[in-house]
Amino acid sequence: MLEISLNVFYVLFSIFVSAIFWVKDSNSTILRLLNSIHSILLLFILVLSGYIGLELHIYNNQLFYFIFVVLLLLSIFSILTGFYSFTGPKYLLLFHSWNLFALILTFFIGTMSLTNDWL
């Protein structure tokens, strides 16, 4: 039950963080998207790596490693651009601490799922 609750919290809070950055940013649509996609992208990476590893049972595939790393780098790029181009209230940038936690969690769980090397 605890694991399900934590997963639901992760999903809802990731959507909330991205929505806050989308609503409070007054940049053009492209910059708003770039400034707010980070949490949704991390959630997508986690679900995709879990699906590939746990459902499809495809392990140690270099193409999936490459896609995993590129999507993580895109998420990091989105977080960094959010620091510099976000035009909303600056205290909202504290939500990037959630993104940092989600990035570490996504890297850790996603890597274990793609390699089938669980702790």
PDB file of N, CA and C in Angstrom:
ATOM      1  N   MET A   1       0.822  -1.195   0.000  1.00  0.00           N
ATOM      2  CA  MET A   1       0.000   0.000   0.000  1.00  0.00           C
ATOM      3  C   MET A   1       0.867   1.261   0.000  1.00  0.00           C
ATOM      4  N   LEU A   2       1.957   1.239   0.748  1.00  0.00           N
ATOM      5  CA  LEU A   2       2.841   2.393   0.805  1.00  0.00           C
ATOM      6  C   LEU A   2       3.472   2.667  -0.560  1.00  0.00           C
ATOM      7  N   GLU A   3       3.866   1.607  -1.242  1.00  0.00           N
ATOM      8  CA  GLU A   3       4.495   1.780  -2.555  1.00  0.00           C
ATOM      9  C   GLU A   3       3.519   2.407  -3.549  1.00  0.00           C
ATOM     10  N   ILE A   4       2.277   1.981  -3.516  1.00  0.00           N
ATOM     11  CA  ILE A   4       1.273   2.556  -4.413  1.00  0.00           C
ATOM     12  C   ILE A   4       1.044   4.025  -4.071  1.00  0.00           C
ATOM     13  N   SER A   5       0.992   4.339  -2.791  1.00  0.00           N
ATOM     14  CA  SER A   5       0.800   5.731  -2.372  1.00  0.00           C
ATOM     15  C   SER A   5       1.961   6.615  -2.820  1.00  0.00           C
ATOM     16  N   LEU A   6       3.172   6.113  -2.701  1.00  0.00           N
ATOM     17  CA  LEU A   6       4.336   6.888  -3.137  1.00  0.00           C
ATOM     18  C   LEU A   6       4.345   7.085  -4.649  1.00  0.00           C
ATOM     19  N   ASN A   7       3.937   6.067  -5.391  1.00  0.00           N
ATOM     20  CA  ASN A   7       3.864   6.205  -6.848  1.00  0.00           C
ATOM     21  C   ASN A   7       2.812   7.220  -7.265  1.00  0.00           C
ATOM     22  N   VAL A   8       1.663   7.192  -6.611  1.00  0.00           N
ATOM     23  CA  VAL A   8       0.612   8.162  -6.906  1.00  0.00           C
ATOM     24  C   VAL A   8       1.093   9.563  -6.565  1.00  0.00           C
ATOM     25  N   PHE A   9       1.765   9.721  -5.426  1.00  0.00           N
ATOM     26  CA  PHE A   9       2.315  11.025  -5.049  1.00  0.00           C
ATOM     27  C   PHE A   9       3.326  11.517  -6.088  1.00  0.00           C
ATOM     28  N   TYR A  10       4.211  10.615  -6.542  1.00  0.00           N
ATOM     29  CA  TYR A  10       5.217  10.989  -7.541  1.00  0.00           C
ATOM     30  C   TYR A  10       4.544  11.492  -8.814  1.00  0.00           C
ATOM     31  N   VAL A  11       3.540  10.787  -9.275  1.00  0.00           N
ATOM     32  CA  VAL A  11       2.848  11.172 -10.510  1.00  0.00           C
ATOM     33  C   VAL A  11       2.131  12.512 -10.330  1.00  0.00           C
ATOM     34  N   LEU A  12       1.346  12.630  -9.281  1.00  0.00           N
ATOM     35  CA  LEU A  12       0.577  13.853  -9.085  1.00  0.00           C
ATOM     36  C   LEU A  12       1.457  15.067  -8.835  1.00  0.00           C
ATOM     37  N   PHE A  13       2.510  14.903  -8.057  1.00  0.00           N
ATOM     38  CA  PHE A  13       3.373  16.044  -7.771  1.00  0.00           C
ATOM     39  C   PHE A  13       4.183  16.451  -8.997  1.00  0.00           C
ATOM     40  N   SER A  14       4.584  15.495  -9.812  1.00  0.00           N
ATOM     41  CA  SER A  14       5.298  15.831 -11.051  1.00  0.00           C
ATOM     42  C   SER A  14       4.394  16.626 -11.993  1.00  0.00           C
ATOM     43  N   ILE A  15       3.159  16.205 -12.109  1.00  0.00           N
ATOM     44  CA  ILE A  15       2.212  16.945 -12.951  1.00  0.00           C
ATOM     45  C   ILE A  15       1.967  18.337 -12.360  1.00  0.00           C
ATOM     46  N   PHE A  16       1.844  18.430 -11.044  1.00  0.00           N
ATOM     47  CA  PHE A  16       1.629  19.714 -10.378  1.00  0.00           C
ATOM     48  C   PHE A  16       2.792  20.671 -10.625  1.00  0.00           C
ATOM     49  N   VAL A  17       4.025  20.180 -10.488  1.00  0.00           N
ATOM     50  CA  VAL A  17       5.199  21.045 -10.673  1.00  0.00           C
ATOM     51  C   VAL A  17       5.257  21.567 -12.106  1.00  0.00           C
ATOM     52  N   SER A  18       5.054  20.698 -13.068  1.00  0.00           N
ATOM     53  CA  SER A  18       5.078  21.157 -14.458  1.00  0.00           C
ATOM     54  C   SER A  18       3.938  22.132 -14.736  1.00  0.00           C
ATOM     55  N   ALA A  19       2.763  21.879 -14.168  1.00  0.00           N
ATOM     56  CA  ALA A  19       1.623  22.782 -14.378  1.00  0.00           C
ATOM     57  C   ALA A  19       1.887  24.158 -13.776  1.00  0.00           C
ATOM     58  N   ILE A  20       2.494  24.195 -12.600  1.00  0.00           N
ATOM     59  CA  ILE A  20       2.823  25.483 -11.969  1.00  0.00           C
ATOM     60  C   ILE A  20       3.774  26.281 -12.852  1.00  0.00           C
ATOM     61  N   PHE A  21       4.815  25.630 -13.361  1.00  0.00           N
ATOM     62  CA  PHE A  21       5.758  26.339 -14.224  1.00  0.00           C
ATOM     63  C   PHE A  21       5.089  26.780 -15.523  1.00  0.00           C
ATOM     64  N   TRP A  22       4.138  26.018 -16.042  1.00  0.00           N
ATOM     65  CA  TRP A  22       3.445  26.393 -17.267  1.00  0.00           C
ATOM     66  C   TRP A  22       2.536  27.604 -17.029  1.00  0.00           C
ATOM     67  N   VAL A  23       1.782  27.577 -15.931  1.00  0.00           N
ATOM     68  CA  VAL A  23       0.801  28.630 -15.662  1.00  0.00           C
ATOM     69  C   VAL A  23       1.479  29.945 -15.284  1.00  0.00           C
ATOM     70  N   LYS A  24       2.527  29.890 -14.493  1.00  0.00           N
ATOM     71  CA  LYS A  24       3.135  31.107 -13.957  1.00  0.00           C
ATOM     72  C   LYS A  24       4.155  31.748 -14.886  1.00  0.00           C
ATOM     73  N   ASP A  25       4.516  31.088 -15.979  1.00  0.00           N
ATOM     74  CA  ASP A  25       5.503  31.647 -16.909  1.00  0.00           C
ATOM     75  C   ASP A  25       4.790  32.508 -17.944  1.00  0.00           C
ATOM     76  N   SER A  26       5.359  33.663 -18.276  1.00  0.00           N
ATOM     77  CA  SER A  26       4.740  34.558 -19.251  1.00  0.00           C
ATOM     78  C   SER A  26       5.554  34.663 -20.538  1.00  0.00           C
ATOM     79  N   ASN A  27       6.458  33.735 -20.762  1.00  0.00           N
ATOM     80  CA  ASN A  27       7.241  33.721 -21.996  1.00  0.00           C
ATOM     81  C   ASN A  27       6.395  33.242 -23.165  1.00  0.00           C
ATOM     82  N   SER A  28       7.034  33.167 -24.334  1.00  0.00           N
ATOM     83  CA  SER A  28       6.359  32.613 -25.499  1.00  0.00           C
ATOM     84  C   SER A  28       6.052  31.135 -25.258  1.00  0.00           C
ATOM     85  N   THR A  29       5.221  30.577 -26.098  1.00  0.00           N
ATOM     86  CA  THR A  29       4.773  29.195 -25.905  1.00  0.00           C
ATOM     87  C   THR A  29       5.926  28.209 -25.918  1.00  0.00           C
ATOM     88  N   ILE A  30       6.896  28.412 -26.790  1.00  0.00           N
ATOM     89  CA  ILE A  30       8.037  27.481 -26.873  1.00  0.00           C
ATOM     90  C   ILE A  30       8.849  27.533 -25.579  1.00  0.00           C
ATOM     91  N   LEU A  31       9.142  28.722 -25.085  1.00  0.00           N
ATOM     92  CA  LEU A  31       9.897  28.838 -23.831  1.00  0.00           C
ATOM     93  C   LEU A  31       9.088  28.329 -22.639  1.00  0.00           C
ATOM     94  N   ARG A  32       7.786  28.575 -22.650  1.00  0.00           N
ATOM     95  CA  ARG A  32       6.941  28.044 -21.573  1.00  0.00           C
ATOM     96  C   ARG A  32       6.998  26.522 -21.553  1.00  0.00           C
ATOM     97  N   LEU A  33       6.919  25.936 -22.737  1.00  0.00           N
ATOM     98  CA  LEU A  33       6.995  24.476 -22.821  1.00  0.00           C
ATOM     99  C   LEU A  33       8.340  23.974 -22.340  1.00  0.00           C
ATOM    100  N   LEU A  34       9.400  24.623 -22.768  1.00  0.00           N
ATOM    101  CA  LEU A  34      10.742  24.215 -22.365  1.00  0.00           C
ATOM    102  C   LEU A  34      10.951  24.404 -20.860  1.00  0.00           C
ATOM    103  N   ASN A  35      10.383  25.442 -20.292  1.00  0.00           N
ATOM    104  CA  ASN A  35      10.536  25.706 -18.863  1.00  0.00           C
ATOM    105  C   ASN A  35       9.668  24.817 -17.987  1.00  0.00           C
ATOM    106  N   SER A  36       8.673  24.152 -18.571  1.00  0.00           N
ATOM    107  CA  SER A  36       7.742  23.397 -17.739  1.00  0.00           C
ATOM    108  C   SER A  36       7.701  21.899 -18.040  1.00  0.00           C
ATOM    109  N   ILE A  37       8.433  21.419 -19.004  1.00  0.00           N
ATOM    110  CA  ILE A  37       8.332  20.025 -19.412  1.00  0.00           C
ATOM    111  C   ILE A  37       9.157  19.081 -18.536  1.00  0.00           C
ATOM    112  N   HIS A  38      10.015  19.591 -17.686  1.00  0.00           N
ATOM    113  CA  HIS A  38      10.987  18.766 -16.968  1.00  0.00           C
ATOM    114  C   HIS A  38      10.358  17.649 -16.149  1.00  0.00           C
ATOM    115  N   SER A  39       9.367  17.938 -15.338  1.00  0.00           N
ATOM    116  CA  SER A  39       8.779  16.907 -14.475  1.00  0.00           C
ATOM    117  C   SER A  39       7.996  15.870 -15.280  1.00  0.00           C
ATOM    118  N   ILE A  40       7.274  16.336 -16.280  1.00  0.00           N
ATOM    119  CA  ILE A  40       6.522  15.402 -17.129  1.00  0.00           C
ATOM    120  C   ILE A  40       7.491  14.517 -17.904  1.00  0.00           C
ATOM    121  N   LEU A  41       8.596  15.083 -18.363  1.00  0.00           N
ATOM    122  CA  LEU A  41       9.589  14.310 -19.091  1.00  0.00           C
ATOM    123  C   LEU A  41      10.233  13.254 -18.190  1.00  0.00           C
ATOM    124  N   LEU A  42      10.543  13.610 -16.963  1.00  0.00           N
ATOM    125  CA  LEU A  42      11.100  12.627 -16.023  1.00  0.00           C
ATOM    126  C   LEU A  42      10.098  11.518 -15.721  1.00  0.00           C
ATOM    127  N   LEU A  43       8.841  11.877 -15.593  1.00  0.00           N
ATOM    128  CA  LEU A  43       7.804  10.874 -15.376  1.00  0.00           C
ATOM    129  C   LEU A  43       7.694   9.950 -16.581  1.00  0.00           C
ATOM    130  N   PHE A  44       7.748  10.508 -17.777  1.00  0.00           N
ATOM    131  CA  PHE A  44       7.696   9.714 -19.001  1.00  0.00           C
ATOM    132  C   PHE A  44       8.893   8.759 -19.095  1.00  0.00           C
ATOM    133  N   ILE A  45      10.077   9.250 -18.756  1.00  0.00           N
ATOM    134  CA  ILE A  45      11.279   8.408 -18.801  1.00  0.00           C
ATOM    135  C   ILE A  45      11.144   7.237 -17.833  1.00  0.00           C
ATOM    136  N   LEU A  46      10.645   7.507 -16.650  1.00  0.00           N
ATOM    137  CA  LEU A  46      10.492   6.457 -15.649  1.00  0.00           C
ATOM    138  C   LEU A  46       9.492   5.396 -16.112  1.00  0.00           C
ATOM    139  N   VAL A  47       8.372   5.836 -16.646  1.00  0.00           N
ATOM    140  CA  VAL A  47       7.363   4.888 -17.130  1.00  0.00           C
ATOM    141  C   VAL A  47       7.893   4.106 -18.324  1.00  0.00           C
ATOM    142  N   LEU A  48       8.569   4.777 -19.252  1.00  0.00           N
ATOM    143  CA  LEU A  48       9.096   4.114 -20.437  1.00  0.00           C
ATOM    144  C   LEU A  48      10.158   3.075 -20.077  1.00  0.00           C
ATOM    145  N   SER A  49      11.084   3.439 -19.207  1.00  0.00           N
ATOM    146  CA  SER A  49      12.122   2.476 -18.832  1.00  0.00           C
ATOM    147  C   SER A  49      11.528   1.307 -18.059  1.00  0.00           C
ATOM    148  N   GLY A  50      10.528   1.571 -17.234  1.00  0.00           N
ATOM    149  CA  GLY A  50       9.852   0.486 -16.530  1.00  0.00           C
ATOM    150  C   GLY A  50       9.116  -0.435 -17.479  1.00  0.00           C
ATOM    151  N   TYR A  51       8.478   0.143 -18.473  1.00  0.00           N
ATOM    152  CA  TYR A  51       7.757  -0.676 -19.452  1.00  0.00           C
ATOM    153  C   TYR A  51       8.724  -1.539 -20.270  1.00  0.00           C
ATOM    154  N   ILE A  52       9.819  -0.942 -20.699  1.00  0.00           N
ATOM    155  CA  ILE A  52      10.795  -1.688 -21.496  1.00  0.00           C
ATOM    156  C   ILE A  52      11.409  -2.823 -20.688  1.00  0.00           C
ATOM    157  N   GLY A  53      11.767  -2.546 -19.449  1.00  0.00           N
ATOM    158  CA  GLY A  53      12.433  -3.562 -18.636  1.00  0.00           C
ATOM    159  C   GLY A  53      11.497  -4.566 -18.005  1.00  0.00           C
ATOM    160  N   LEU A  54      10.386  -4.083 -17.452  1.00  0.00           N
ATOM    161  CA  LEU A  54       9.516  -4.962 -16.677  1.00  0.00           C
ATOM    162  C   LEU A  54       8.461  -5.671 -17.519  1.00  0.00           C
ATOM    163  N   GLU A  55       7.995  -5.038 -18.580  1.00  0.00           N
ATOM    164  CA  GLU A  55       6.958  -5.657 -19.407  1.00  0.00           C
ATOM    165  C   GLU A  55       7.528  -6.335 -20.654  1.00  0.00           C
ATOM    166  N   LEU A  56       8.404  -5.644 -21.354  1.00  0.00           N
ATOM    167  CA  LEU A  56       8.948  -6.206 -22.597  1.00  0.00           C
ATOM    168  C   LEU A  56      10.133  -7.130 -22.352  1.00  0.00           C
ATOM    169  N   HIS A  57      10.737  -7.044 -21.183  1.00  0.00           N
ATOM    170  CA  HIS A  57      11.909  -7.855 -20.815  1.00  0.00           C
ATOM    171  C   HIS A  57      13.047  -7.695 -21.824  1.00  0.00           C
ATOM    172  N   ILE A  58      13.285  -6.459 -22.231  1.00  0.00           N
ATOM    173  CA  ILE A  58      14.412  -6.145 -23.110  1.00  0.00           C
ATOM    174  C   ILE A  58      15.488  -5.502 -22.245  1.00  0.00           C
ATOM    175  N   TYR A  59      16.600  -6.194 -22.094  1.00  0.00           N
ATOM    176  CA  TYR A  59      17.656  -5.722 -21.215  1.00  0.00           C
ATOM    177  C   TYR A  59      18.934  -5.482 -21.999  1.00  0.00           C
ATOM    178  N   ASN A  60      19.749  -4.538 -21.501  1.00  0.00           N
ATOM    179  CA  ASN A  60      21.085  -4.249 -22.034  1.00  0.00           C
ATOM    180  C   ASN A  60      21.064  -3.948 -23.528  1.00  0.00           C
ATOM    181  N   ASN A  61      20.091  -3.172 -23.955  1.00  0.00           N
ATOM    182  CA  ASN A  61      19.969  -2.764 -25.346  1.00  0.00           C
ATOM    183  C   ASN A  61      20.574  -1.367 -25.488  1.00  0.00           C
ATOM    184  N   GLN A  62      21.557  -1.213 -26.340  1.00  0.00           N
ATOM    185  CA  GLN A  62      22.264   0.070 -26.467  1.00  0.00           C
ATOM    186  C   GLN A  62      21.361   1.188 -26.980  1.00  0.00           C
ATOM    187  N   LEU A  63      20.407   0.868 -27.838  1.00  0.00           N
ATOM    188  CA  LEU A  63      19.496   1.889 -28.348  1.00  0.00           C
ATOM    189  C   LEU A  63      18.651   2.467 -27.212  1.00  0.00           C
ATOM    190  N   PHE A  64      18.152   1.605 -26.332  1.00  0.00           N
ATOM    191  CA  PHE A  64      17.345   2.088 -25.219  1.00  0.00           C
ATOM    192  C   PHE A  64      18.185   2.865 -24.206  1.00  0.00           C
ATOM    193  N   TYR A  65      19.435   2.462 -24.007  1.00  0.00           N
ATOM    194  CA  TYR A  65      20.335   3.241 -23.149  1.00  0.00           C
ATOM    195  C   TYR A  65      20.511   4.647 -23.721  1.00  0.00           C
ATOM    196  N   PHE A  66      20.719   4.721 -25.030  1.00  0.00           N
ATOM    197  CA  PHE A  66      20.933   6.012 -25.688  1.00  0.00           C
ATOM    198  C   PHE A  66      19.699   6.903 -25.536  1.00  0.00           C
ATOM    199  N   ILE A  67      18.523   6.348 -25.786  1.00  0.00           N
ATOM    200  CA  ILE A  67      17.282   7.115 -25.651  1.00  0.00           C
ATOM    201  C   ILE A  67      17.094   7.572 -24.204  1.00  0.00           C
ATOM    202  N   PHE A  68      17.386   6.690 -23.268  1.00  0.00           N
ATOM    203  CA  PHE A  68      17.271   7.000 -21.833  1.00  0.00           C
ATOM    204  C   PHE A  68      18.169   8.174 -21.468  1.00  0.00           C
ATOM    205  N   VAL A  69      19.415   8.139 -21.894  1.00  0.00           N
ATOM    206  CA  VAL A  69      20.365   9.201 -21.559  1.00  0.00           C
ATOM    207  C   VAL A  69      19.989  10.513 -22.254  1.00  0.00           C
ATOM    208  N   VAL A  70      19.577  10.455 -23.499  1.00  0.00           N
ATOM    209  CA  VAL A  70      19.193  11.672 -24.223  1.00  0.00           C
ATOM    210  C   VAL A  70      17.984  12.333 -23.556  1.00  0.00           C
ATOM    211  N   LEU A  71      16.995  11.532 -23.164  1.00  0.00           N
ATOM    212  CA  LEU A  71      15.829  12.112 -22.496  1.00  0.00           C
ATOM    213  C   LEU A  71      16.190  12.693 -21.126  1.00  0.00           C
ATOM    214  N   LEU A  72      17.096  12.048 -20.403  1.00  0.00           N
ATOM    215  CA  LEU A  72      17.556  12.620 -19.132  1.00  0.00           C
ATOM    216  C   LEU A  72      18.289  13.941 -19.355  1.00  0.00           C
ATOM    217  N   LEU A  73      19.107  13.999 -20.390  1.00  0.00           N
ATOM    218  CA  LEU A  73      19.817  15.250 -20.701  1.00  0.00           C
ATOM    219  C   LEU A  73      18.845  16.346 -21.124  1.00  0.00           C
ATOM    220  N   LEU A  74      17.798  15.981 -21.861  1.00  0.00           N
ATOM    221  CA  LEU A  74      16.778  16.975 -22.218  1.00  0.00           C
ATOM    222  C   LEU A  74      16.069  17.512 -20.982  1.00  0.00           C
ATOM    223  N   SER A  75      15.835  16.644 -20.025  1.00  0.00           N
ATOM    224  CA  SER A  75      15.207  17.090 -18.785  1.00  0.00           C
ATOM    225  C   SER A  75      16.136  18.023 -18.004  1.00  0.00           C
ATOM    226  N   ILE A  76      17.408  17.688 -17.952  1.00  0.00           N
ATOM    227  CA  ILE A  76      18.385  18.565 -17.281  1.00  0.00           C
ATOM    228  C   ILE A  76      18.458  19.906 -18.000  1.00  0.00           C
ATOM    229  N   PHE A  77      18.451  19.880 -19.319  1.00  0.00           N
ATOM    230  CA  PHE A  77      18.469  21.119 -20.100  1.00  0.00           C
ATOM    231  C   PHE A  77      17.228  21.963 -19.803  1.00  0.00           C
ATOM    232  N   SER A  78      16.080  21.322 -19.667  1.00  0.00           N
ATOM    233  CA  SER A  78      14.856  22.042 -19.351  1.00  0.00           C
ATOM    234  C   SER A  78      14.927  22.685 -17.961  1.00  0.00           C
ATOM    235  N   ILE A  79      15.494  21.974 -17.017  1.00  0.00           N
ATOM    236  CA  ILE A  79      15.642  22.527 -15.665  1.00  0.00           C
ATOM    237  C   ILE A  79      16.582  23.735 -15.684  1.00  0.00           C
ATOM    238  N   LEU A  80      17.697  23.613 -16.384  1.00  0.00           N
ATOM    239  CA  LEU A  80      18.664  24.716 -16.442  1.00  0.00           C
ATOM    240  C   LEU A  80      18.101  25.937 -17.154  1.00  0.00           C
ATOM    241  N   THR A  81      17.377  25.734 -18.257  1.00  0.00           N
ATOM    242  CA  THR A  81      16.790  26.891 -18.935  1.00  0.00           C
ATOM    243  C   THR A  81      15.698  27.522 -18.079  1.00  0.00           C
ATOM    244  N   GLY A  82      15.040  26.706 -17.262  1.00  0.00           N
ATOM    245  CA  GLY A  82      14.034  27.258 -16.364  1.00  0.00           C
ATOM    246  C   GLY A  82      14.619  28.225 -15.353  1.00  0.00           C
ATOM    247  N   PHE A  83      15.844  27.958 -14.912  1.00  0.00           N
ATOM    248  CA  PHE A  83      16.494  28.867 -13.973  1.00  0.00           C
ATOM    249  C   PHE A  83      16.750  30.233 -14.596  1.00  0.00           C
ATOM    250  N   TYR A  84      17.057  30.263 -15.855  1.00  0.00           N
ATOM    251  CA  TYR A  84      17.471  31.519 -16.487  1.00  0.00           C
ATOM    252  C   TYR A  84      16.349  32.243 -17.217  1.00  0.00           C
ATOM    253  N   SER A  85      15.357  31.528 -17.718  1.00  0.00           N
ATOM    254  CA  SER A  85      14.356  32.213 -18.533  1.00  0.00           C
ATOM    255  C   SER A  85      12.954  32.217 -17.929  1.00  0.00           C
ATOM    256  N   PHE A  86      12.778  31.630 -16.759  1.00  0.00           N
ATOM    257  CA  PHE A  86      11.466  31.631 -16.126  1.00  0.00           C
ATOM    258  C   PHE A  86      11.133  33.047 -15.668  1.00  0.00           C
ATOM    259  N   THR A  87       9.955  33.537 -16.062  1.00  0.00           N
ATOM    260  CA  THR A  87       9.587  34.918 -15.748  1.00  0.00           C
ATOM    261  C   THR A  87       8.579  35.031 -14.608  1.00  0.00           C
ATOM    262  N   GLY A  88       8.183  33.916 -14.054  1.00  0.00           N
ATOM    263  CA  GLY A  88       7.237  33.938 -12.932  1.00  0.00           C
ATOM    264  C   GLY A  88       7.946  34.263 -11.631  1.00  0.00           C
ATOM    265  N   PRO A  89       7.241  34.113 -10.531  1.00  0.00           N
ATOM    266  CA  PRO A  89       7.847  34.373  -9.215  1.00  0.00           C
ATOM    267  C   PRO A  89       9.049  33.451  -8.975  1.00  0.00           C
ATOM    268  N   LYS A  90      10.130  34.034  -8.521  1.00  0.00           N
ATOM    269  CA  LYS A  90      11.380  33.279  -8.379  1.00  0.00           C
ATOM    270  C   LYS A  90      11.329  32.240  -7.265  1.00  0.00           C
ATOM    271  N   TYR A  91      10.461  32.398  -6.293  1.00  0.00           N
ATOM    272  CA  TYR A  91      10.383  31.390  -5.240  1.00  0.00           C
ATOM    273  C   TYR A  91       9.891  30.041  -5.783  1.00  0.00           C
ATOM    274  N   LEU A  92       9.222  30.067  -6.932  1.00  0.00           N
ATOM    275  CA  LEU A  92       8.780  28.811  -7.539  1.00  0.00           C
ATOM    276  C   LEU A  92       9.946  27.962  -8.035  1.00  0.00           C
ATOM    277  N   LEU A  93      11.091  28.583  -8.195  1.00  0.00           N
ATOM    278  CA  LEU A  93      12.272  27.812  -8.620  1.00  0.00           C
ATOM    279  C   LEU A  93      12.690  26.802  -7.553  1.00  0.00           C
ATOM    280  N   LEU A  94      12.173  26.950  -6.340  1.00  0.00           N
ATOM    281  CA  LEU A  94      12.444  25.948  -5.298  1.00  0.00           C
ATOM    282  C   LEU A  94      11.861  24.583  -5.650  1.00  0.00           C
ATOM    283  N   PHE A  95      10.870  24.572  -6.544  1.00  0.00           N
ATOM    284  CA  PHE A  95      10.322  23.295  -6.998  1.00  0.00           C
ATOM    285  C   PHE A  95      11.341  22.478  -7.780  1.00  0.00           C
ATOM    286  N   HIS A  96      12.420  23.118  -8.193  1.00  0.00           N
ATOM    287  CA  HIS A  96      13.469  22.360  -8.889  1.00  0.00           C
ATOM    288  C   HIS A  96      14.174  21.392  -7.944  1.00  0.00           C
ATOM    289  N   SER A  97      14.024  21.591  -6.641  1.00  0.00           N
ATOM    290  CA  SER A  97      14.557  20.587  -5.715  1.00  0.00           C
ATOM    291  C   SER A  97      13.796  19.272  -5.897  1.00  0.00           C
ATOM    292  N   TRP A  98      12.497  19.350  -6.170  1.00  0.00           N
ATOM    293  CA  TRP A  98      11.729  18.148  -6.498  1.00  0.00           C
ATOM    294  C   TRP A  98      12.262  17.532  -7.790  1.00  0.00           C
ATOM    295  N   ASN A  99      12.552  18.381  -8.764  1.00  0.00           N
ATOM    296  CA  ASN A  99      13.057  17.872 -10.037  1.00  0.00           C
ATOM    297  C   ASN A  99      14.401  17.177  -9.867  1.00  0.00           C
ATOM    298  N   LEU A 100      15.231  17.705  -8.990  1.00  0.00           N
ATOM    299  CA  LEU A 100      16.516  17.061  -8.730  1.00  0.00           C
ATOM    300  C   LEU A 100      16.305  15.686  -8.094  1.00  0.00           C
ATOM    301  N   PHE A 101      15.404  15.610  -7.128  1.00  0.00           N
ATOM    302  CA  PHE A 101      15.074  14.330  -6.504  1.00  0.00           C
ATOM    303  C   PHE A 101      14.495  13.369  -7.544  1.00  0.00           C
ATOM    304  N   ALA A 102      13.570  13.853  -8.371  1.00  0.00           N
ATOM    305  CA  ALA A 102      12.950  13.014  -9.395  1.00  0.00           C
ATOM    306  C   ALA A 102      13.970  12.557 -10.434  1.00  0.00           C
ATOM    307  N   LEU A 103      14.936  13.415 -10.752  1.00  0.00           N
ATOM    308  CA  LEU A 103      15.987  13.055 -11.700  1.00  0.00           C
ATOM    309  C   LEU A 103      16.840  11.916 -11.154  1.00  0.00           C
ATOM    310  N   ILE A 104      17.237  12.017  -9.898  1.00  0.00           N
ATOM    311  CA  ILE A 104      18.046  10.963  -9.278  1.00  0.00           C
ATOM    312  C   ILE A 104      17.250   9.665  -9.193  1.00  0.00           C
ATOM    313  N   LEU A 105      16.000   9.755  -8.772  1.00  0.00           N
ATOM    314  CA  LEU A 105      15.143   8.580  -8.673  1.00  0.00           C
ATOM    315  C   LEU A 105      14.923   7.941 -10.041  1.00  0.00           C
ATOM    316  N   THR A 106      14.667   8.752 -11.050  1.00  0.00           N
ATOM    317  CA  THR A 106      14.449   8.236 -12.399  1.00  0.00           C
ATOM    318  C   THR A 106      15.703   7.580 -12.944  1.00  0.00           C
ATOM    319  N   PHE A 107      16.850   8.193 -12.718  1.00  0.00           N
ATOM    320  CA  PHE A 107      18.098   7.583 -13.182  1.00  0.00           C
ATOM    321  C   PHE A 107      18.339   6.246 -12.495  1.00  0.00           C
ATOM    322  N   PHE A 108      18.134   6.210 -11.186  1.00  0.00           N
ATOM    323  CA  PHE A 108      18.397   5.016 -10.402  1.00  0.00           C
ATOM    324  C   PHE A 108      17.458   3.870 -10.792  1.00  0.00           C
ATOM    325  N   ILE A 109      16.155   4.125 -10.766  1.00  0.00           N
ATOM    326  CA  ILE A 109      15.181   3.079 -11.075  1.00  0.00           C
ATOM    327  C   ILE A 109      15.206   2.727 -12.559  1.00  0.00           C
ATOM    328  N   GLY A 110      15.340   3.729 -13.422  1.00  0.00           N
ATOM    329  CA  GLY A 110      15.376   3.463 -14.860  1.00  0.00           C
ATOM    330  C   GLY A 110      16.571   2.628 -15.268  1.00  0.00           C
ATOM    331  N   THR A 111      17.732   2.904 -14.681  1.00  0.00           N
ATOM    332  CA  THR A 111      18.928   2.114 -14.990  1.00  0.00           C
ATOM    333  C   THR A 111      18.767   0.679 -14.518  1.00  0.00           C
ATOM    334  N   MET A 112      18.205   0.498 -13.338  1.00  0.00           N
ATOM    335  CA  MET A 112      17.993  -0.867 -12.853  1.00  0.00           C
ATOM    336  C   MET A 112      17.009  -1.610 -13.753  1.00  0.00           C
ATOM    337  N   SER A 113      15.987  -0.918 -14.208  1.00  0.00           N
ATOM    338  CA  SER A 113      14.990  -1.551 -15.068  1.00  0.00           C
ATOM    339  C   SER A 113      15.565  -1.925 -16.431  1.00  0.00           C
ATOM    340  N   LEU A 114      16.375  -1.046 -17.006  1.00  0.00           N
ATOM    341  CA  LEU A 114      16.932  -1.322 -18.330  1.00  0.00           C
ATOM    342  C   LEU A 114      18.022  -2.374 -18.307  1.00  0.00           C
ATOM    343  N   THR A 115      18.672  -2.556 -17.167  1.00  0.00           N
ATOM    344  CA  THR A 115      19.749  -3.562 -17.086  1.00  0.00           C
ATOM    345  C   THR A 115      19.305  -4.849 -16.395  1.00  0.00           C
ATOM    346  N   ASN A 116      18.119  -4.826 -15.766  1.00  0.00           N
ATOM    347  CA  ASN A 116      17.628  -5.944 -14.969  1.00  0.00           C
ATOM    348  C   ASN A 116      18.608  -6.302 -13.862  1.00  0.00           C
ATOM    349  N   ASP A 117      19.234  -5.295 -13.304  1.00  0.00           N
ATOM    350  CA  ASP A 117      20.190  -5.473 -12.212  1.00  0.00           C
ATOM    351  C   ASP A 117      19.624  -4.731 -10.997  1.00  0.00           C
ATOM    352  N   TRP A 118      18.691  -5.364 -10.304  1.00  0.00           N
ATOM    353  CA  TRP A 118      17.997  -4.759  -9.183  1.00  0.00           C
ATOM    354  C   TRP A 118      18.763  -4.969  -7.896  1.00  0.00           C
ATOM    355  N   LEU A 119      18.614  -4.020  -6.994  1.00  0.00           N
ATOM    356  CA  LEU A 119      19.222  -4.160  -5.669  1.00  0.00           C
ATOM    357  C   LEU A 119      18.434  -5.119  -4.814  1.00  0.00           C
TER     358      LEU A 119
END
